[in-house]
Amino acid sequence: MTTRAEEMMCAEQCDGRCFGPFVSDCCHRECAGGCFGPKDTDCFACTNFNDSGACVTQCPQPFVYNPTSFQLEHNPGAKYTYGAFCVKKCPHNFVVDQSSCVRACPSNKMEVEESRIKMCIPALISVQKVGHVIHNWTNIDKFVNCTKINGNLVHVPIRRDVYHNIEALDPEKLNVFRTVREVTGFLNIQSWPDNMTDLSVFSNLATIGGRALYSGISLLVLKQQGISSLQLQSLREISAGNVHIAENSKLCYYNTLNWTQLFSTASQKVLIRNNRSPKECSRDRMVCDPLCSDAGCWGPGPDQCLSCRHFSRGRTCVDACHLHDGEIREYANGSVCVECDAQCERADDDSLTCNGPGPEHCIKCLHFKDGPNCVEKCPDGLQGANSFIFKYAESNNECHPCHSNCTQGCCNGVRSRDNRTEYNCSKACAPAFGLKPFHSEYIPLRLVTSLNSVF
């Protein structure tokens, strides 16, 4: 099939791209495949990038040169390169690398998140262990202590592969994925050990990024006849792509989940078909724990809830927090139970131990109180703004500053190395007392006289 430009005889100056026979009928130089007019907005396709309908050599850069000030200045009209398009911001599941949207940072950079924007910065120090896409189980040992997989996780056949000379996978090796918190691409489960009834090896997986998709899918669990529950209890976000859960004859709980709560865009969809019927699951009591909210669950027990009906302690849903009882006392931060600070003294009666986070929210201190804070001991030689800080504890265990003349601590307001001295610090010695010069301690004058006679 020939294009209109190929059928038309273009003027020599048009380099074979035109919309008419005359020199004035040349396509813009940024056009690819012909045009219907002379402007960069009249192209059928772009040679380089499409900036809001105009074909351009490059997207507007973050900085532009000011010939008057001889400096680079911020460009308010800057855009990022996303494939063949210029965009004002990268898709939420992609990473910003200078002026481009990328699926993963290059090897000399690491991914960080600032103001909810993922970006690449120079990797001066490695702060996370990152793995890359697993093609077959032979590279599974490379994922030890891996927290993030840059790419896709595809579970290929785990039985012995005679053709490729690969032995069968030991199912225990799948536990290597328990440290993984993020997969930037997709998770594809089409092969799974017969003796493993769930996907709990991914119990810490919080994010499926969907930067790459498998036929539009970011989470696929297909034809696994041994799986009865997913148990992905940490999963809180599927950034892009659809969910496909199908042909798993024993799988329950899938129907209880509010999948849209995990999605980042309204265009994401979930396709669930031909799994175990909810009626059969209910008959066998394979239903969510009563402590789970109506958002559903990943499996049995209060630690598999997508969200809690009342309160949560760590990953587990509970009826109430240990405000007034229990070995470890808590306070409620909204619907989350949080332990009181270690410096809080546990209440003996049914009163509160603390009313908030940190040592400043204890009702009573376990050891000492320094200002609003409960502390293990009073400050003893801490560096202050202008000098070292020494404090002593009163009988009520409250810390008070030593006298300003005390330079090495005090007891009940007086300096003491053994916490038994009875002498107060002062600017000058009383008439009956003298200064011991080599320790700067205040001692009776008769001892000073005796010492002087010795020296």
Protein backbone atom coordinates (compact mmCIF):
# COMPACT_ATOMS: atom_id res chain seq x y z
CA MET A 1 0.00 0.00 0.00
CA THR A 2 1.42 3.41 -0.96
CA THR A 3 0.92 6.66 0.91
CA ARG A 4 -0.39 9.83 -0.61
CA ALA A 5 3.13 11.30 -0.49
CA GLU A 6 4.50 8.30 -2.36
CA GLU A 7 1.78 8.60 -5.01
CA MET A 8 2.38 12.33 -5.36
CA MET A 9 5.36 13.82 -7.16
CA CYS A 10 6.97 16.06 -4.56
CA ALA A 11 9.25 18.97 -5.33
CA GLU A 12 12.92 18.04 -5.05
CA GLN A 13 13.36 20.26 -1.99
CA CYS A 14 10.73 18.30 -0.06
CA ASP A 15 12.82 15.12 0.40
CA GLY A 16 9.87 12.97 -0.65
CA ARG A 17 7.47 14.32 2.01
CA CYS A 18 4.79 16.70 0.77
CA PHE A 19 1.07 17.32 0.47
CA GLY A 20 1.25 18.90 -2.99
CA PRO A 21 3.51 19.25 -6.04
CA PHE A 22 4.95 22.68 -5.24
CA VAL A 23 7.95 23.78 -3.15
CA SER A 24 5.54 25.41 -0.73
CA ASP A 25 3.85 22.05 -0.22
CA CYS A 26 6.69 20.38 1.72
CA CYS A 27 5.93 18.67 5.02
CA HIS A 28 7.59 19.97 8.15
CA ARG A 29 11.00 18.37 8.76
CA GLU A 30 9.71 16.73 11.99
CA CYS A 31 6.99 14.84 10.11
CA ALA A 32 7.27 11.12 9.46
CA GLY A 33 5.07 9.32 6.92
CA GLY A 34 3.55 12.37 5.28
CA CYS A 35 1.35 15.31 6.24
CA PHE A 36 -1.73 17.33 5.31
CA GLY A 37 -0.14 20.77 5.71
CA PRO A 38 3.18 22.60 6.15
CA LYS A 39 3.19 22.99 9.95
CA ASP A 40 4.62 20.70 12.64
CA THR A 41 1.03 20.08 13.77
CA ASP A 42 0.03 18.78 10.32
CA CYS A 43 2.03 15.53 10.46
CA PHE A 44 0.55 12.05 10.18
CA ALA A 45 3.27 10.88 12.62
CA CYS A 46 6.35 12.38 14.29
CA THR A 47 9.97 11.60 13.54
CA ASN A 48 10.99 12.25 17.17
CA PHE A 49 8.46 13.42 19.77
CA ASN A 50 4.85 14.58 19.94
CA ASP A 51 4.36 17.65 22.13
CA SER A 52 0.62 18.25 22.48
CA GLY A 53 0.06 17.51 18.80
CA ALA A 54 3.19 19.24 17.49
CA CYS A 55 6.16 17.21 16.25
CA VAL A 56 9.39 18.38 17.92
CA THR A 57 13.06 17.39 17.98
CA GLN A 58 13.05 17.14 21.79
CA CYS A 59 10.64 17.82 24.62
CA PRO A 60 10.89 21.19 26.43
CA GLN A 61 13.88 20.84 28.75
CA PRO A 62 13.87 21.54 32.53
CA PHE A 63 16.35 24.39 32.12
CA VAL A 64 16.83 26.96 29.36
CA TYR A 65 19.79 29.23 28.71
CA ASN A 66 19.25 32.94 29.34
CA PRO A 67 21.61 34.84 27.00
CA THR A 68 21.19 38.01 29.05
CA SER A 69 22.18 36.55 32.42
CA PHE A 70 24.45 33.88 30.88
CA GLN A 71 22.82 31.29 33.15
CA LEU A 72 20.58 28.25 32.96
CA GLU A 73 17.14 29.09 34.34
CA HIS A 74 14.19 26.90 35.31
CA ASN A 75 11.78 26.37 32.43
CA PRO A 76 8.16 26.57 33.66
CA GLY A 77 7.03 24.89 30.45
CA ALA A 78 9.31 21.86 30.87
CA LYS A 79 7.99 18.42 30.00
CA TYR A 80 9.16 14.84 30.40
CA THR A 81 9.84 12.35 27.62
CA TYR A 82 7.41 9.43 27.88
CA GLY A 83 7.89 7.10 24.93
CA ALA A 84 7.30 9.26 21.84
CA PHE A 85 5.32 11.88 23.76
CA CYS A 86 6.08 14.96 25.87
CA VAL A 87 4.11 15.00 29.14
CA LYS A 88 3.82 17.48 32.02
CA LYS A 89 4.36 14.69 34.55
CA CYS A 90 5.30 11.04 34.39
CA PRO A 91 2.72 8.32 35.04
CA HIS A 92 2.56 7.66 38.78
CA ASN A 93 4.11 4.20 38.46
CA PHE A 94 7.11 5.36 36.38
CA VAL A 95 10.37 6.90 37.60
CA VAL A 96 11.73 10.35 36.69
CA ASP A 97 15.32 10.23 35.41
CA GLN A 98 16.34 13.82 34.63
CA SER A 99 13.81 14.76 31.90
CA SER A 100 12.57 11.27 31.04
CA CYS A 101 10.01 8.79 32.38
CA VAL A 102 11.67 5.39 32.79
CA ARG A 103 10.63 1.95 34.04
CA ALA A 104 13.80 1.51 36.11
CA CYS A 105 16.84 3.57 37.07
CA PRO A 106 20.16 2.81 35.34
CA SER A 107 22.75 0.77 37.25
CA ASN A 108 24.65 3.86 38.46
CA LYS A 109 21.54 5.38 40.06
CA MET A 110 19.04 4.41 42.71
CA GLU A 111 15.33 5.05 43.01
CA VAL A 112 14.02 7.34 45.76
CA GLU A 113 10.66 8.97 46.41
CA GLU A 114 10.30 12.67 47.19
CA SER A 115 6.93 14.41 47.55
CA ARG A 116 5.30 11.22 46.20
CA ILE A 117 7.38 11.40 43.00
CA LYS A 118 9.71 8.49 42.23
CA MET A 119 13.04 9.66 40.82
CA CYS A 120 16.56 8.44 40.04
CA ILE A 121 19.54 9.93 41.89
CA PRO A 122 23.25 9.02 41.76
CA ALA A 123 23.87 5.85 43.77
CA LEU A 124 26.64 6.99 46.12
CA ILE A 125 25.69 4.30 48.64
CA SER A 126 23.60 1.22 48.00
CA VAL A 127 20.56 1.43 50.29
CA GLN A 128 18.49 -1.45 48.97
CA LYS A 129 19.11 -4.80 47.40
CA VAL A 130 17.43 -4.94 44.01
CA GLY A 131 16.82 -7.98 41.85
CA HIS A 132 15.88 -8.23 38.20
CA VAL A 133 13.38 -10.31 36.28
CA ILE A 134 13.51 -14.05 36.94
CA HIS A 135 13.50 -16.03 33.67
CA ASN A 136 13.68 -19.49 35.23
CA TRP A 137 14.17 -20.73 38.76
CA THR A 138 17.94 -21.26 38.29
CA ASN A 139 18.62 -17.63 39.26
CA ILE A 140 16.42 -17.75 42.36
CA ASP A 141 19.38 -17.60 44.78
CA LYS A 142 20.21 -14.12 43.49
CA PHE A 143 17.10 -12.84 45.26
CA VAL A 144 18.35 -13.47 48.80
CA ASN A 145 17.50 -10.39 50.94
CA CYS A 146 16.03 -8.67 47.87
CA THR A 147 13.44 -5.99 48.73
CA LYS A 148 12.61 -4.76 45.23
CA ILE A 149 12.42 -6.51 41.88
CA ASN A 150 13.08 -4.21 38.93
CA GLY A 151 11.05 -5.97 36.30
CA ASN A 152 8.61 -8.84 36.31
CA LEU A 153 8.29 -11.97 38.40
CA VAL A 154 7.23 -14.88 36.22
CA HIS A 155 6.90 -18.32 37.73
CA VAL A 156 7.85 -20.68 34.95
CA PRO A 157 7.47 -24.48 35.20
CA ILE A 158 9.08 -25.72 38.42
CA ARG A 159 9.24 -29.38 37.49
CA ARG A 160 12.29 -30.95 35.93
CA ASP A 161 13.04 -29.63 32.44
CA VAL A 162 14.89 -32.37 30.59
CA TYR A 163 15.14 -30.38 27.38
CA HIS A 164 16.98 -27.48 29.07
CA ASN A 165 18.71 -29.77 31.60
CA ILE A 166 17.15 -28.00 34.61
CA GLU A 167 16.37 -29.96 37.78
CA ALA A 168 13.06 -29.60 39.63
CA LEU A 169 12.77 -26.64 42.01
CA ASP A 170 12.90 -27.25 45.76
CA PRO A 171 9.71 -25.44 46.96
CA GLU A 172 11.57 -24.24 50.06
CA LYS A 173 13.64 -21.99 47.82
CA LEU A 174 10.55 -19.88 47.12
CA ASN A 175 10.86 -18.48 50.65
CA VAL A 176 13.57 -16.21 49.25
CA PHE A 177 10.74 -13.90 48.14
CA ARG A 178 9.54 -13.20 51.69
CA THR A 179 11.71 -10.06 51.80
CA VAL A 180 10.35 -8.60 48.54
CA ARG A 181 8.26 -5.46 49.07
CA GLU A 182 7.88 -4.25 45.48
CA VAL A 183 7.73 -5.66 41.96
CA THR A 184 7.95 -2.82 39.45
CA GLY A 185 6.46 -4.84 36.58
CA PHE A 186 3.94 -7.68 36.84
CA LEU A 187 3.50 -10.84 38.94
CA ASN A 188 2.62 -13.87 36.84
CA ILE A 189 1.75 -17.13 38.62
CA GLN A 190 1.09 -19.92 36.14
CA SER A 191 3.13 -22.61 37.89
CA TRP A 192 3.21 -23.40 41.60
CA PRO A 193 4.27 -26.34 43.84
CA ASP A 194 1.45 -28.80 44.47
CA ASN A 195 2.13 -28.86 48.23
CA MET A 196 1.88 -25.06 48.65
CA THR A 197 -1.72 -23.94 49.14
CA ASP A 198 -1.15 -20.17 49.09
CA LEU A 199 1.17 -17.39 47.91
CA SER A 200 2.36 -16.47 51.42
CA VAL A 201 5.99 -16.33 50.25
CA PHE A 202 4.88 -12.89 48.97
CA SER A 203 3.41 -11.91 52.33
CA ASN A 204 5.54 -8.73 52.45
CA LEU A 205 4.79 -7.63 48.89
CA ALA A 206 3.18 -4.18 49.18
CA THR A 207 3.30 -2.80 45.62
CA ILE A 208 2.93 -4.20 42.11
CA GLY A 209 4.06 -1.32 39.89
CA GLY A 210 2.72 -2.38 36.50
CA ARG A 211 5.44 -0.49 34.60
CA ALA A 212 5.41 -3.47 32.26
CA LEU A 213 2.28 -5.56 31.71
CA TYR A 214 1.46 -9.09 30.56
CA SER A 215 -1.30 -8.59 27.96
CA GLY A 216 -2.50 -5.63 30.02
CA ILE A 217 -2.29 -7.61 33.28
CA SER A 218 -0.15 -6.82 36.33
CA LEU A 219 -1.35 -9.66 38.60
CA LEU A 220 -2.15 -13.05 37.08
CA VAL A 221 -2.97 -16.26 38.96
CA LEU A 222 -4.07 -18.87 36.45
CA LYS A 223 -4.91 -22.59 36.59
CA GLN A 224 -3.35 -23.35 39.99
CA GLN A 225 -5.32 -26.30 41.33
CA GLY A 226 -3.60 -26.46 44.74
CA ILE A 227 -4.03 -22.85 45.87
CA SER A 228 -6.90 -22.26 48.32
CA SER A 229 -6.04 -18.67 49.36
CA LEU A 230 -3.80 -15.91 48.01
CA GLN A 231 -2.48 -14.61 51.39
CA LEU A 232 -0.98 -11.41 49.93
CA GLN A 233 -1.82 -9.57 53.15
CA SER A 234 0.68 -6.72 52.68
CA LEU A 235 -0.46 -5.82 49.16
CA ARG A 236 -1.77 -2.25 49.25
CA GLU A 237 -1.27 -0.96 45.71
CA ILE A 238 -1.50 -2.22 42.14
CA SER A 239 -0.28 0.91 40.38
CA ALA A 240 -1.29 0.01 36.82
CA GLY A 241 -2.70 -2.88 34.83
CA ASN A 242 -5.52 -5.32 35.41
CA VAL A 243 -5.98 -8.32 37.71
CA HIS A 244 -6.81 -11.75 36.28
CA ILE A 245 -7.68 -14.58 38.71
CA ALA A 246 -9.06 -17.59 36.84
CA GLU A 247 -9.32 -21.39 36.65
CA ASN A 248 -8.14 -22.01 40.24
CA SER A 249 -10.50 -24.78 41.35
CA LYS A 250 -9.78 -24.60 45.11
CA LEU A 251 -9.31 -20.84 45.50
CA CYS A 252 -11.52 -19.04 48.04
CA TYR A 253 -11.62 -15.52 49.56
CA TYR A 254 -10.95 -13.87 46.16
CA ASN A 255 -14.61 -12.82 45.91
CA THR A 256 -14.55 -10.94 49.23
CA LEU A 257 -11.85 -8.45 48.20
CA ASN A 258 -12.61 -4.88 47.21
CA TRP A 259 -9.99 -4.87 44.45
CA THR A 260 -10.66 -1.26 43.48
CA GLN A 261 -9.22 -0.25 46.84
CA LEU A 262 -5.83 -1.43 45.52
CA PHE A 263 -6.08 0.29 42.13
CA SER A 264 -4.53 3.67 41.34
CA THR A 265 -6.62 4.53 38.27
CA ALA A 266 -10.27 4.18 37.33
CA SER A 267 -9.35 2.36 34.12
CA GLN A 268 -7.98 -0.70 35.96
CA LYS A 269 -10.19 -3.78 35.94
CA VAL A 270 -10.41 -7.16 37.62
CA LEU A 271 -11.38 -10.36 35.79
CA ILE A 272 -12.31 -13.26 38.08
CA ARG A 273 -13.78 -16.45 36.68
CA ASN A 274 -14.03 -20.22 37.20
CA ASN A 275 -12.53 -20.38 40.69
CA ARG A 276 -14.17 -22.25 43.56
CA SER A 277 -17.71 -21.02 44.08
CA PRO A 278 -18.30 -18.67 47.04
CA LYS A 279 -21.14 -20.95 48.16
CA GLU A 280 -18.79 -23.92 48.51
CA CYS A 281 -16.21 -21.78 50.29
CA SER A 282 -18.82 -20.58 52.78
CA ARG A 283 -20.04 -24.14 53.36
CA ASP A 284 -16.49 -25.16 54.33
CA ARG A 285 -16.10 -22.04 56.50
CA MET A 286 -13.44 -20.59 54.24
CA VAL A 287 -14.62 -17.06 54.95
CA CYS A 288 -13.11 -13.87 56.33
CA ASP A 289 -12.51 -13.47 60.05
CA PRO A 290 -15.24 -11.45 61.85
CA LEU A 291 -12.61 -8.82 62.72
CA CYS A 292 -12.13 -8.01 59.01
CA SER A 293 -14.02 -5.09 57.51
CA ASP A 294 -16.33 -5.41 54.53
CA ALA A 295 -13.30 -4.73 52.27
CA GLY A 296 -12.58 -8.47 52.41
CA CYS A 297 -9.56 -10.64 53.10
CA TRP A 298 -6.74 -12.62 51.50
CA GLY A 299 -7.24 -15.76 53.54
CA PRO A 300 -8.25 -17.15 56.95
CA GLY A 301 -7.48 -15.38 60.22
CA PRO A 302 -7.43 -11.79 61.51
CA ASP A 303 -4.01 -11.14 59.93
CA GLN A 304 -5.36 -11.55 56.37
CA CYS A 305 -7.82 -8.65 56.37
CA LEU A 306 -7.57 -5.93 53.74
CA SER A 307 -8.67 -3.55 56.51
CA CYS A 308 -10.01 -3.97 60.05
CA ARG A 309 -13.50 -3.61 61.43
CA HIS A 310 -12.28 -2.17 64.74
CA PHE A 311 -8.53 -1.82 65.45
CA SER A 312 -5.26 -3.17 64.09
CA ARG A 313 -2.10 -4.23 65.90
CA GLY A 314 0.65 -4.58 63.33
CA ARG A 315 -0.92 -6.68 60.57
CA THR A 316 -3.53 -8.25 62.83
CA CYS A 317 -7.05 -7.00 63.41
CA VAL A 318 -8.18 -6.85 67.06
CA ASP A 319 -11.30 -5.95 69.03
CA ALA A 320 -9.59 -3.23 71.08
CA CYS A 321 -6.20 -1.83 72.04
CA HIS A 322 -4.50 -2.62 75.37
CA LEU A 323 -5.27 0.77 76.88
CA HIS A 324 -6.05 -0.45 80.40
CA ASP A 325 -4.80 -4.03 80.54
CA GLY A 326 -2.26 -6.39 79.04
CA GLU A 327 1.44 -6.97 79.60
CA ILE A 328 2.30 -4.29 77.03
CA ARG A 329 0.15 -1.15 77.22
CA GLU A 330 -0.87 0.83 74.15
CA TYR A 331 -2.59 3.96 72.94
CA ALA A 332 -4.93 4.24 69.96
CA ASN A 333 -3.71 6.28 67.00
CA GLY A 334 -7.00 6.40 65.16
CA SER A 335 -7.78 2.72 64.64
CA VAL A 336 -4.16 1.58 65.06
CA CYS A 337 -2.86 0.20 68.37
CA VAL A 338 0.63 1.52 69.17
CA GLU A 339 2.85 0.49 72.09
CA CYS A 340 3.56 3.06 74.77
CA ASP A 341 7.16 4.24 74.96
CA ALA A 342 9.59 1.99 76.82
CA GLN A 343 10.16 4.78 79.38
CA CYS A 344 6.52 4.77 80.47
CA GLU A 345 5.67 2.95 83.70
CA ARG A 346 2.86 0.47 83.22
CA ALA A 347 -0.17 1.42 85.27
CA ASP A 348 -1.07 -1.05 88.03
CA ASP A 349 -4.78 -0.24 87.90
CA ASP A 350 -7.07 0.22 84.91
CA SER A 351 -5.79 3.73 84.16
CA LEU A 352 -3.86 4.73 81.05
CA THR A 353 -0.11 4.17 80.76
CA CYS A 354 0.30 6.77 77.99
CA ASN A 355 -1.84 8.96 75.78
CA GLY A 356 0.38 9.30 72.73
CA PRO A 357 3.74 8.49 71.11
CA GLY A 358 7.14 9.11 72.62
CA PRO A 359 8.44 9.55 76.18
CA GLU A 360 6.67 12.89 76.56
CA HIS A 361 3.24 11.25 76.56
CA CYS A 362 3.74 8.89 79.50
CA ILE A 363 1.27 9.25 82.37
CA LYS A 364 4.04 8.18 84.77
CA CYS A 365 7.74 7.55 84.20
CA LEU A 366 9.42 4.20 84.69
CA HIS A 367 12.71 5.80 85.79
CA PHE A 368 13.13 9.59 85.79
CA LYS A 369 11.41 12.65 84.35
CA ASP A 370 13.44 15.37 82.64
CA GLY A 371 11.14 18.24 81.76
CA PRO A 372 8.23 16.71 79.83
CA ASN A 373 10.16 13.55 78.91
CA CYS A 374 10.60 10.27 80.71
CA VAL A 375 14.27 9.20 80.62
CA GLU A 376 16.36 6.24 81.75
CA LYS A 377 18.67 8.55 83.74
CA CYS A 378 19.13 12.25 84.28
CA PRO A 379 21.50 14.07 81.90
CA ASP A 380 25.08 13.64 83.06
CA GLY A 381 27.53 15.58 80.95
CA LEU A 382 25.43 16.04 77.83
CA GLN A 383 26.65 18.72 75.44
CA GLY A 384 24.41 21.78 75.63
CA ALA A 385 24.39 24.98 73.60
CA ASN A 386 27.12 26.67 75.67
CA SER A 387 28.27 24.08 78.18
CA PHE A 388 27.82 20.54 79.41
CA ILE A 389 24.56 19.73 81.16
CA PHE A 390 24.48 17.94 84.51
CA LYS A 391 21.30 17.16 86.42
CA TYR A 392 20.37 15.29 89.57
CA ALA A 393 17.17 13.50 90.60
CA GLU A 394 14.97 14.75 93.41
CA SER A 395 13.09 12.32 95.65
CA ASN A 396 10.18 12.41 93.20
CA ASN A 397 12.57 11.22 90.44
CA GLU A 398 12.38 14.53 88.59
CA CYS A 399 15.64 15.79 87.09
CA HIS A 400 16.89 19.23 88.17
CA PRO A 401 19.98 21.17 87.06
CA CYS A 402 23.10 21.00 89.18
CA HIS A 403 24.47 24.30 90.47
CA SER A 404 26.15 26.29 87.70
CA ASN A 405 29.52 25.90 89.46
CA CYS A 406 29.35 22.12 89.27
CA THR A 407 31.37 20.92 86.32
CA GLN A 408 31.27 17.14 86.78
CA GLY A 409 27.82 16.31 88.11
CA CYS A 410 26.14 16.49 91.50
CA CYS A 411 23.93 14.69 93.98
CA ASN A 412 21.02 16.58 95.55
CA GLY A 413 22.44 19.76 94.15
CA VAL A 414 26.06 19.15 95.20
CA ARG A 415 28.98 17.75 93.33
CA SER A 416 29.80 14.18 94.18
CA ARG A 417 31.70 11.36 92.61
CA ASP A 418 30.32 8.80 95.07
CA ASN A 419 26.88 10.44 95.54
CA ARG A 420 27.47 10.83 99.30
CA THR A 421 29.12 14.22 99.74
CA GLU A 422 27.34 16.84 101.85
CA TYR A 423 28.98 19.97 100.47
CA ASN A 424 27.22 22.43 98.17
CA CYS A 425 28.92 24.00 95.14
CA SER A 426 29.39 27.77 95.44
CA LYS A 427 31.28 30.60 93.76
CA ALA A 428 33.67 30.84 96.71
CA CYS A 429 34.58 28.67 99.69
CA ALA A 430 33.10 29.48 103.09
CA PRO A 431 35.64 30.71 105.73
CA ALA A 432 36.02 27.25 107.24
CA PHE A 433 36.57 25.58 103.88
CA GLY A 434 39.20 25.60 101.19
CA LEU A 435 39.58 24.42 97.60
CA LYS A 436 41.36 21.21 96.75
CA PRO A 437 43.20 22.41 93.62
CA PHE A 438 43.87 19.17 91.80
CA HIS A 439 40.23 17.97 91.90
CA SER A 440 38.41 21.32 92.27
CA GLU A 441 36.39 19.83 95.12
CA TYR A 442 35.20 21.80 98.13
CA ILE A 443 36.58 20.23 101.31
CA PRO A 444 37.15 21.34 104.91
CA LEU A 445 40.00 23.88 105.26
CA ARG A 446 41.85 21.71 107.76
CA LEU A 447 42.24 19.04 105.08
CA VAL A 448 43.61 21.62 102.67
CA THR A 449 46.13 22.68 105.31
CA SER A 450 47.14 19.07 105.84
CA LEU A 451 47.49 18.54 102.11
CA ASN A 452 49.57 21.67 101.70
CA SER A 453 51.92 20.47 104.42
CA VAL A 454 52.35 17.23 102.50
CA PHE A 455 53.12 18.98 99.21
